[in-house]
Amino acid sequence: MYHIAQVNVAYTLAPLNDPLLADFAAKLDPIYALAEESPGFIWRPKAELFTAAEAAHLPVDERLFATISVWSSLEALKAFVYKSEHAQVMRRRREWFKRLQGPYVALWWVPEGHRPGLAEVKERMEYLRAHGPSSFAFTFAQPFPAPDLLSGTAREATKSN
């Protein structure tokens, strides 16, 4: 069985403690709590995401913001993103974030129990930006089915994507 992993990256217009981002910063904990209580939510990293070696290679930029999570299904993730209080935050994103060139959300299927690390998250986002949606990394607009939902022939064909 597979679950859906997602990374969402953004670049804030100011540091998180700047008054410009006060409304956004005030919404972070409630939105994280809402995600964790939402049907289909499985995991989001807290301090455990990065090993010391991975963290040593992170660019130090307090305006780079990323969320990573794992959900039971694409439908559950979509319901949270587009039909919960989270959608209200998304509608205001231009007040707080720079417009990025290319995709800012990458989705991919992970085996049940898997928790993506920093290297995997970075690889999926970079692949999506370089090659476009495929079974390796895709978007809400162009989703791919979970590997266990593909027929044997279709599964072999997606390995080259």
N, C-alpha and C. Protein backbone atom coordinates (compact mmCIF):
# COMPACT_ATOMS: atom_id res chain seq x y z
N MET A 1 0.84 -1.18 0.00
CA MET A 1 0.00 0.00 0.00
C MET A 1 0.89 1.25 0.00
N TYR A 2 0.40 2.29 -0.65
CA TYR A 2 1.14 3.54 -0.77
C TYR A 2 0.38 4.70 -0.16
N HIS A 3 1.14 5.67 0.29
CA HIS A 3 0.61 6.94 0.78
C HIS A 3 1.18 8.05 -0.08
N ILE A 4 0.60 9.24 0.04
CA ILE A 4 1.07 10.38 -0.76
C ILE A 4 1.92 11.31 0.11
N ALA A 5 3.10 11.65 -0.40
CA ALA A 5 3.97 12.61 0.27
C ALA A 5 3.89 13.92 -0.51
N GLN A 6 4.08 15.01 0.21
CA GLN A 6 4.06 16.31 -0.46
C GLN A 6 5.08 17.23 0.18
N VAL A 7 5.64 18.09 -0.67
CA VAL A 7 6.45 19.21 -0.19
C VAL A 7 5.91 20.46 -0.86
N ASN A 8 5.81 21.50 -0.08
CA ASN A 8 5.32 22.79 -0.54
C ASN A 8 6.38 23.81 -0.14
N VAL A 9 6.96 24.49 -1.10
CA VAL A 9 8.01 25.46 -0.79
C VAL A 9 7.52 26.87 -1.12
N ALA A 10 7.99 27.80 -0.33
CA ALA A 10 7.64 29.21 -0.52
C ALA A 10 8.80 30.06 -0.04
N TYR A 11 8.82 31.27 -0.53
CA TYR A 11 9.85 32.22 -0.14
C TYR A 11 9.12 33.45 0.38
N THR A 12 9.22 33.69 1.67
CA THR A 12 8.47 34.79 2.27
C THR A 12 9.01 36.15 1.82
N LEU A 13 8.15 37.14 1.86
CA LEU A 13 8.54 38.50 1.48
C LEU A 13 9.40 39.16 2.54
N ALA A 14 9.40 38.59 3.74
CA ALA A 14 10.17 39.13 4.86
C ALA A 14 10.45 37.98 5.83
N PRO A 15 11.33 38.17 6.80
CA PRO A 15 11.53 37.13 7.82
C PRO A 15 10.22 36.85 8.57
N LEU A 16 10.08 35.65 9.07
CA LEU A 16 8.84 35.23 9.73
C LEU A 16 8.45 36.12 10.90
N ASN A 17 9.43 36.73 11.56
CA ASN A 17 9.11 37.59 12.71
C ASN A 17 8.82 39.04 12.31
N ASP A 18 8.81 39.34 11.02
CA ASP A 18 8.51 40.68 10.53
C ASP A 18 7.00 40.95 10.66
N PRO A 19 6.61 42.18 11.00
CA PRO A 19 5.18 42.51 11.10
C PRO A 19 4.38 42.19 9.83
N LEU A 20 5.01 42.25 8.66
CA LEU A 20 4.34 41.92 7.41
C LEU A 20 3.77 40.50 7.44
N LEU A 21 4.43 39.60 8.16
CA LEU A 21 4.01 38.20 8.22
C LEU A 21 3.28 37.85 9.51
N ALA A 22 2.90 38.84 10.30
CA ALA A 22 2.27 38.57 11.59
C ALA A 22 1.01 37.71 11.45
N ASP A 23 0.14 38.03 10.50
CA ASP A 23 -1.08 37.22 10.31
C ASP A 23 -0.74 35.79 9.91
N PHE A 24 0.21 35.65 9.00
CA PHE A 24 0.62 34.31 8.58
C PHE A 24 1.21 33.54 9.75
N ALA A 25 2.13 34.15 10.47
CA ALA A 25 2.78 33.48 11.60
C ALA A 25 1.76 33.05 12.65
N ALA A 26 0.74 33.87 12.86
CA ALA A 26 -0.30 33.54 13.84
C ALA A 26 -1.13 32.34 13.40
N LYS A 27 -1.18 32.07 12.10
CA LYS A 27 -1.98 30.97 11.58
C LYS A 27 -1.21 29.64 11.52
N LEU A 28 0.11 29.68 11.66
CA LEU A 28 0.90 28.46 11.49
C LEU A 28 0.49 27.34 12.44
N ASP A 29 0.54 27.58 13.73
CA ASP A 29 0.21 26.51 14.68
C ASP A 29 -1.22 26.00 14.51
N PRO A 30 -2.22 26.89 14.36
CA PRO A 30 -3.58 26.37 14.13
C PRO A 30 -3.71 25.54 12.84
N ILE A 31 -3.02 25.95 11.79
CA ILE A 31 -3.10 25.19 10.53
C ILE A 31 -2.39 23.85 10.67
N TYR A 32 -1.23 23.83 11.34
CA TYR A 32 -0.55 22.55 11.59
C TYR A 32 -1.44 21.64 12.42
N ALA A 33 -2.09 22.18 13.44
CA ALA A 33 -2.99 21.38 14.28
C ALA A 33 -4.16 20.85 13.46
N LEU A 34 -4.71 21.70 12.59
CA LEU A 34 -5.81 21.28 11.73
C LEU A 34 -5.37 20.13 10.83
N ALA A 35 -4.18 20.25 10.25
CA ALA A 35 -3.67 19.17 9.40
C ALA A 35 -3.59 17.87 10.19
N GLU A 36 -3.01 17.93 11.37
CA GLU A 36 -2.81 16.73 12.17
C GLU A 36 -4.12 16.09 12.60
N GLU A 37 -5.19 16.87 12.67
CA GLU A 37 -6.51 16.35 13.05
C GLU A 37 -7.35 15.96 11.84
N SER A 38 -6.87 16.25 10.64
CA SER A 38 -7.65 16.01 9.43
C SER A 38 -7.67 14.54 9.05
N PRO A 39 -8.80 14.07 8.50
CA PRO A 39 -8.87 12.69 8.03
C PRO A 39 -7.78 12.44 6.99
N GLY A 40 -7.07 11.34 7.14
CA GLY A 40 -6.03 10.96 6.19
C GLY A 40 -4.64 11.46 6.51
N PHE A 41 -4.51 12.39 7.47
CA PHE A 41 -3.18 12.86 7.83
C PHE A 41 -2.41 11.73 8.50
N ILE A 42 -1.13 11.58 8.12
CA ILE A 42 -0.28 10.54 8.72
C ILE A 42 0.89 11.14 9.47
N TRP A 43 1.62 12.07 8.83
CA TRP A 43 2.87 12.53 9.43
C TRP A 43 3.29 13.86 8.84
N ARG A 44 3.94 14.64 9.66
CA ARG A 44 4.69 15.81 9.21
C ARG A 44 5.93 15.88 10.09
N PRO A 45 7.05 16.30 9.55
CA PRO A 45 8.26 16.35 10.35
C PRO A 45 8.21 17.46 11.38
N LYS A 46 8.84 17.18 12.45
CA LYS A 46 9.08 18.24 13.43
C LYS A 46 10.59 18.33 13.46
N ALA A 47 11.24 18.10 14.53
CA ALA A 47 12.70 18.18 14.58
C ALA A 47 13.37 16.98 13.94
N GLU A 48 12.64 15.87 13.77
CA GLU A 48 13.29 14.64 13.31
C GLU A 48 13.59 14.58 11.82
N LEU A 49 13.18 15.56 11.04
CA LEU A 49 13.37 15.46 9.58
C LEU A 49 14.82 15.40 9.17
N PHE A 50 15.65 16.25 9.71
CA PHE A 50 17.00 16.37 9.21
C PHE A 50 18.01 15.69 10.12
N THR A 51 18.86 14.88 9.51
CA THR A 51 20.00 14.38 10.25
C THR A 51 21.00 15.54 10.35
N ALA A 52 21.96 15.42 11.22
CA ALA A 52 22.96 16.49 11.35
C ALA A 52 23.68 16.72 10.03
N ALA A 53 23.98 15.63 9.32
CA ALA A 53 24.68 15.76 8.03
C ALA A 53 23.82 16.51 7.02
N GLU A 54 22.52 16.19 6.98
CA GLU A 54 21.63 16.88 6.05
C GLU A 54 21.51 18.35 6.42
N ALA A 55 21.33 18.63 7.69
CA ALA A 55 21.15 20.01 8.14
C ALA A 55 22.39 20.85 7.85
N ALA A 56 23.55 20.24 7.88
CA ALA A 56 24.79 20.98 7.60
C ALA A 56 24.82 21.50 6.17
N HIS A 57 24.06 20.88 5.27
CA HIS A 57 24.05 21.28 3.86
C HIS A 57 22.89 22.19 3.50
N LEU A 58 22.07 22.55 4.49
CA LEU A 58 20.94 23.43 4.22
C LEU A 58 21.42 24.86 4.00
N PRO A 59 20.89 25.54 3.00
CA PRO A 59 21.22 26.95 2.88
C PRO A 59 20.57 27.69 4.04
N VAL A 60 21.28 28.64 4.59
CA VAL A 60 20.73 29.40 5.71
C VAL A 60 19.99 30.60 5.11
N ASP A 61 18.69 30.49 5.06
CA ASP A 61 17.86 31.56 4.54
C ASP A 61 16.55 31.53 5.31
N GLU A 62 16.38 32.46 6.20
CA GLU A 62 15.21 32.46 7.06
C GLU A 62 13.92 32.75 6.31
N ARG A 63 14.01 33.12 5.04
CA ARG A 63 12.80 33.40 4.27
C ARG A 63 12.34 32.20 3.44
N LEU A 64 13.13 31.15 3.39
CA LEU A 64 12.72 29.93 2.70
C LEU A 64 11.84 29.13 3.64
N PHE A 65 10.68 28.77 3.18
CA PHE A 65 9.68 28.11 4.01
C PHE A 65 9.23 26.85 3.29
N ALA A 66 9.19 25.73 3.97
CA ALA A 66 8.74 24.48 3.34
C ALA A 66 7.91 23.69 4.33
N THR A 67 6.88 23.04 3.80
CA THR A 67 6.11 22.09 4.59
C THR A 67 6.17 20.75 3.89
N ILE A 68 6.26 19.73 4.68
CA ILE A 68 6.35 18.36 4.18
C ILE A 68 5.35 17.54 4.98
N SER A 69 4.63 16.66 4.31
CA SER A 69 3.70 15.80 5.03
C SER A 69 3.42 14.54 4.23
N VAL A 70 2.84 13.57 4.92
CA VAL A 70 2.42 12.31 4.31
C VAL A 70 0.95 12.11 4.65
N TRP A 71 0.17 11.71 3.66
CA TRP A 71 -1.27 11.53 3.79
C TRP A 71 -1.67 10.16 3.29
N SER A 72 -2.82 9.68 3.72
CA SER A 72 -3.28 8.35 3.32
C SER A 72 -3.68 8.29 1.86
N SER A 73 -4.10 9.41 1.29
CA SER A 73 -4.54 9.42 -0.11
C SER A 73 -4.43 10.83 -0.68
N LEU A 74 -4.42 10.90 -1.99
CA LEU A 74 -4.42 12.19 -2.67
C LEU A 74 -5.71 12.94 -2.34
N GLU A 75 -6.82 12.23 -2.25
CA GLU A 75 -8.10 12.86 -1.95
C GLU A 75 -8.09 13.51 -0.57
N ALA A 76 -7.51 12.83 0.42
CA ALA A 76 -7.43 13.39 1.78
C ALA A 76 -6.57 14.65 1.79
N LEU A 77 -5.45 14.61 1.08
CA LEU A 77 -4.58 15.79 1.01
C LEU A 77 -5.30 16.94 0.32
N LYS A 78 -5.96 16.66 -0.80
CA LYS A 78 -6.70 17.70 -1.52
C LYS A 78 -7.78 18.33 -0.64
N ALA A 79 -8.49 17.50 0.12
CA ALA A 79 -9.55 18.02 1.00
C ALA A 79 -8.96 19.00 2.01
N PHE A 80 -7.81 18.66 2.58
CA PHE A 80 -7.18 19.57 3.53
C PHE A 80 -6.72 20.85 2.84
N VAL A 81 -6.04 20.72 1.72
CA VAL A 81 -5.46 21.88 1.04
C VAL A 81 -6.53 22.83 0.52
N TYR A 82 -7.57 22.29 -0.10
CA TYR A 82 -8.52 23.13 -0.81
C TYR A 82 -9.88 23.33 -0.14
N LYS A 83 -10.21 22.50 0.87
CA LYS A 83 -11.56 22.58 1.44
C LYS A 83 -11.58 22.83 2.95
N SER A 84 -10.45 23.11 3.53
CA SER A 84 -10.39 23.39 4.97
C SER A 84 -9.98 24.85 5.17
N GLU A 85 -9.75 25.22 6.41
CA GLU A 85 -9.27 26.57 6.72
C GLU A 85 -7.95 26.87 6.00
N HIS A 86 -7.21 25.83 5.63
CA HIS A 86 -5.96 26.01 4.90
C HIS A 86 -6.20 26.79 3.60
N ALA A 87 -7.33 26.57 2.97
CA ALA A 87 -7.64 27.26 1.71
C ALA A 87 -7.69 28.78 1.90
N GLN A 88 -8.16 29.23 3.07
CA GLN A 88 -8.20 30.67 3.34
C GLN A 88 -6.79 31.25 3.41
N VAL A 89 -5.87 30.49 3.98
CA VAL A 89 -4.47 30.93 4.04
C VAL A 89 -3.90 30.99 2.62
N MET A 90 -4.20 29.97 1.82
CA MET A 90 -3.70 29.96 0.43
C MET A 90 -4.20 31.16 -0.37
N ARG A 91 -5.42 31.57 -0.13
CA ARG A 91 -5.96 32.72 -0.86
C ARG A 91 -5.19 34.00 -0.55
N ARG A 92 -4.53 34.05 0.57
CA ARG A 92 -3.78 35.25 0.96
C ARG A 92 -2.28 35.11 0.70
N ARG A 93 -1.86 34.06 0.04
CA ARG A 93 -0.42 33.78 -0.10
C ARG A 93 0.37 34.91 -0.76
N ARG A 94 -0.23 35.66 -1.67
CA ARG A 94 0.50 36.75 -2.34
C ARG A 94 0.84 37.89 -1.38
N GLU A 95 0.14 37.97 -0.26
CA GLU A 95 0.46 38.98 0.76
C GLU A 95 1.76 38.63 1.48
N TRP A 96 2.10 37.34 1.50
CA TRP A 96 3.21 36.87 2.34
C TRP A 96 4.38 36.26 1.58
N PHE A 97 4.12 35.76 0.36
CA PHE A 97 5.14 35.00 -0.36
C PHE A 97 5.43 35.57 -1.74
N LYS A 98 6.68 35.42 -2.17
CA LYS A 98 7.07 35.77 -3.53
C LYS A 98 6.46 34.75 -4.49
N ARG A 99 6.18 35.20 -5.69
CA ARG A 99 5.73 34.27 -6.73
C ARG A 99 6.96 33.52 -7.23
N LEU A 100 6.89 32.21 -7.20
CA LEU A 100 8.02 31.39 -7.63
C LEU A 100 7.85 30.98 -9.08
N GLN A 101 8.96 30.84 -9.77
CA GLN A 101 8.95 30.31 -11.13
C GLN A 101 8.90 28.79 -11.03
N GLY A 102 8.00 28.17 -11.75
CA GLY A 102 7.91 26.72 -11.74
C GLY A 102 7.09 26.20 -10.57
N PRO A 103 7.01 24.89 -10.47
CA PRO A 103 6.20 24.27 -9.42
C PRO A 103 6.71 24.62 -8.02
N TYR A 104 5.77 24.77 -7.11
CA TYR A 104 6.13 24.99 -5.71
C TYR A 104 5.59 23.88 -4.81
N VAL A 105 4.85 22.95 -5.41
CA VAL A 105 4.37 21.76 -4.70
C VAL A 105 4.77 20.54 -5.51
N ALA A 106 5.37 19.56 -4.85
CA ALA A 106 5.67 18.28 -5.48
C ALA A 106 4.98 17.19 -4.67
N LEU A 107 4.39 16.25 -5.38
CA LEU A 107 3.71 15.11 -4.78
C LEU A 107 4.36 13.84 -5.30
N TRP A 108 4.40 12.80 -4.48
CA TRP A 108 4.88 11.50 -4.92
C TRP A 108 4.36 10.43 -3.96
N TRP A 109 4.33 9.21 -4.46
CA TRP A 109 3.85 8.08 -3.67
C TRP A 109 5.00 7.48 -2.88
N VAL A 110 4.70 7.13 -1.63
CA VAL A 110 5.69 6.48 -0.76
C VAL A 110 5.07 5.22 -0.18
N PRO A 111 5.88 4.19 0.04
CA PRO A 111 5.35 2.98 0.68
C PRO A 111 4.82 3.31 2.08
N GLU A 112 3.78 2.62 2.46
CA GLU A 112 3.21 2.81 3.79
C GLU A 112 4.31 2.72 4.84
N GLY A 113 4.35 3.66 5.77
CA GLY A 113 5.36 3.69 6.83
C GLY A 113 6.59 4.51 6.50
N HIS A 114 6.79 4.87 5.23
CA HIS A 114 7.97 5.64 4.84
C HIS A 114 7.81 7.11 5.22
N ARG A 115 8.89 7.71 5.70
CA ARG A 115 8.93 9.13 6.03
C ARG A 115 10.05 9.77 5.22
N PRO A 116 9.73 10.66 4.28
CA PRO A 116 10.77 11.25 3.43
C PRO A 116 11.74 12.13 4.21
N GLY A 117 13.00 12.01 3.87
CA GLY A 117 14.04 12.87 4.44
C GLY A 117 14.34 14.02 3.51
N LEU A 118 15.23 14.87 3.94
CA LEU A 118 15.56 16.08 3.18
C LEU A 118 16.08 15.77 1.78
N ALA A 119 16.97 14.80 1.65
CA ALA A 119 17.53 14.49 0.33
C ALA A 119 16.43 14.04 -0.63
N GLU A 120 15.51 13.23 -0.16
CA GLU A 120 14.42 12.76 -1.01
C GLU A 120 13.50 13.91 -1.41
N VAL A 121 13.15 14.75 -0.48
CA VAL A 121 12.28 15.89 -0.75
C VAL A 121 12.91 16.79 -1.80
N LYS A 122 14.18 17.09 -1.62
CA LYS A 122 14.90 17.94 -2.57
C LYS A 122 14.96 17.29 -3.95
N GLU A 123 15.24 16.00 -3.99
CA GLU A 123 15.32 15.29 -5.27
C GLU A 123 13.99 15.34 -6.02
N ARG A 124 12.89 15.13 -5.31
CA ARG A 124 11.57 15.12 -5.97
C ARG A 124 11.23 16.51 -6.53
N MET A 125 11.48 17.54 -5.74
CA MET A 125 11.16 18.89 -6.21
C MET A 125 12.05 19.27 -7.40
N GLU A 126 13.33 18.99 -7.31
CA GLU A 126 14.23 19.31 -8.42
C GLU A 126 13.86 18.54 -9.68
N TYR A 127 13.48 17.28 -9.53
CA TYR A 127 13.09 16.48 -10.68
C TYR A 127 11.84 17.07 -11.34
N LEU A 128 10.85 17.41 -10.53
CA LEU A 128 9.62 17.99 -11.07
C LEU A 128 9.91 19.29 -11.81
N ARG A 129 10.75 20.12 -11.25
CA ARG A 129 11.08 21.39 -11.91
C ARG A 129 11.85 21.19 -13.20
N ALA A 130 12.71 20.19 -13.24
CA ALA A 130 13.53 19.94 -14.44
C ALA A 130 12.79 19.18 -15.53
N HIS A 131 11.91 18.25 -15.14
CA HIS A 131 11.32 17.33 -16.12
C HIS A 131 9.81 17.40 -16.24
N GLY A 132 9.16 18.12 -15.36
CA GLY A 132 7.71 18.16 -15.37
C GLY A 132 7.12 16.96 -14.66
N PRO A 133 5.79 16.91 -14.59
CA PRO A 133 5.12 15.83 -13.85
C PRO A 133 5.36 14.45 -14.46
N SER A 134 5.59 13.50 -13.58
CA SER A 134 5.75 12.10 -13.96
C SER A 134 5.37 11.27 -12.74
N SER A 135 5.47 9.98 -12.84
CA SER A 135 5.17 9.14 -11.68
C SER A 135 6.18 9.35 -10.56
N PHE A 136 7.33 9.93 -10.86
CA PHE A 136 8.36 10.18 -9.85
C PHE A 136 8.03 11.39 -8.99
N ALA A 137 7.47 12.42 -9.59
CA ALA A 137 7.06 13.64 -8.88
C ALA A 137 6.01 14.33 -9.75
N PHE A 138 4.91 14.71 -9.14
CA PHE A 138 3.81 15.27 -9.91
C PHE A 138 3.12 16.38 -9.14
N THR A 139 2.06 16.91 -9.73
CA THR A 139 1.33 18.03 -9.15
C THR A 139 -0.14 17.65 -8.94
N PHE A 140 -0.88 18.52 -8.25
CA PHE A 140 -2.31 18.29 -8.11
C PHE A 140 -2.98 18.33 -9.48
N ALA A 141 -2.51 19.20 -10.36
CA ALA A 141 -3.11 19.35 -11.68
C ALA A 141 -2.84 18.15 -12.58
N GLN A 142 -1.71 17.48 -12.39
CA GLN A 142 -1.35 16.32 -13.20
C GLN A 142 -0.92 15.16 -12.30
N PRO A 143 -1.88 14.55 -11.60
CA PRO A 143 -1.53 13.46 -10.68
C PRO A 143 -1.26 12.15 -11.42
N PHE A 144 -0.54 11.27 -10.75
CA PHE A 144 -0.29 9.92 -11.24
C PHE A 144 -0.82 8.94 -10.20
N PRO A 145 -1.31 7.78 -10.64
CA PRO A 145 -1.85 6.81 -9.67
C PRO A 145 -0.75 6.18 -8.82
N ALA A 146 -1.15 5.71 -7.66
CA ALA A 146 -0.22 4.99 -6.79
C ALA A 146 0.26 3.73 -7.49
N PRO A 147 1.51 3.32 -7.26
CA PRO A 147 2.03 2.13 -7.93
C PRO A 147 1.18 0.88 -7.74
N ASP A 148 0.57 0.70 -6.57
CA ASP A 148 -0.22 -0.51 -6.36
C ASP A 148 -1.56 -0.46 -7.09
N LEU A 149 -1.90 0.69 -7.69
CA LEU A 149 -3.13 0.80 -8.48
C LEU A 149 -2.88 0.60 -9.97
N LEU A 150 -1.62 0.51 -10.34
CA LEU A 150 -1.27 0.33 -11.75
C LEU A 150 -1.25 -1.15 -12.11
N SER A 151 -1.62 -1.45 -13.32
CA SER A 151 -1.47 -2.82 -13.80
C SER A 151 0.02 -3.08 -14.00
N GLY A 152 0.41 -4.33 -14.12
CA GLY A 152 1.82 -4.67 -14.32
C GLY A 152 2.41 -3.95 -15.52
N THR A 153 1.69 -3.90 -16.64
CA THR A 153 2.18 -3.24 -17.84
C THR A 153 2.33 -1.74 -17.62
N ALA A 154 1.33 -1.13 -17.00
CA ALA A 154 1.41 0.31 -16.75
C ALA A 154 2.52 0.63 -15.76
N ARG A 155 2.73 -0.25 -14.77
CA ARG A 155 3.78 -0.02 -13.78
C ARG A 155 5.14 -0.01 -14.46
N GLU A 156 5.38 -0.93 -15.38
CA GLU A 156 6.65 -0.98 -16.09
C GLU A 156 6.85 0.28 -16.94
N ALA A 157 5.78 0.76 -17.56
CA ALA A 157 5.88 1.94 -18.41
C ALA A 157 6.24 3.19 -17.61
N THR A 158 5.75 3.29 -16.37
CA THR A 158 6.01 4.50 -15.59
C THR A 158 7.42 4.54 -15.03
N LYS A 159 8.13 3.44 -15.02
CA LYS A 159 9.50 3.44 -14.50
C LYS A 159 10.40 4.35 -15.32
N SER A 160 10.08 4.55 -16.58
CA SER A 160 10.93 5.40 -17.41
C SER A 160 10.52 6.87 -17.32
N ASN A 161 9.41 7.17 -16.63
CA ASN A 161 8.96 8.57 -16.48
C ASN A 161 9.75 9.28 -15.43
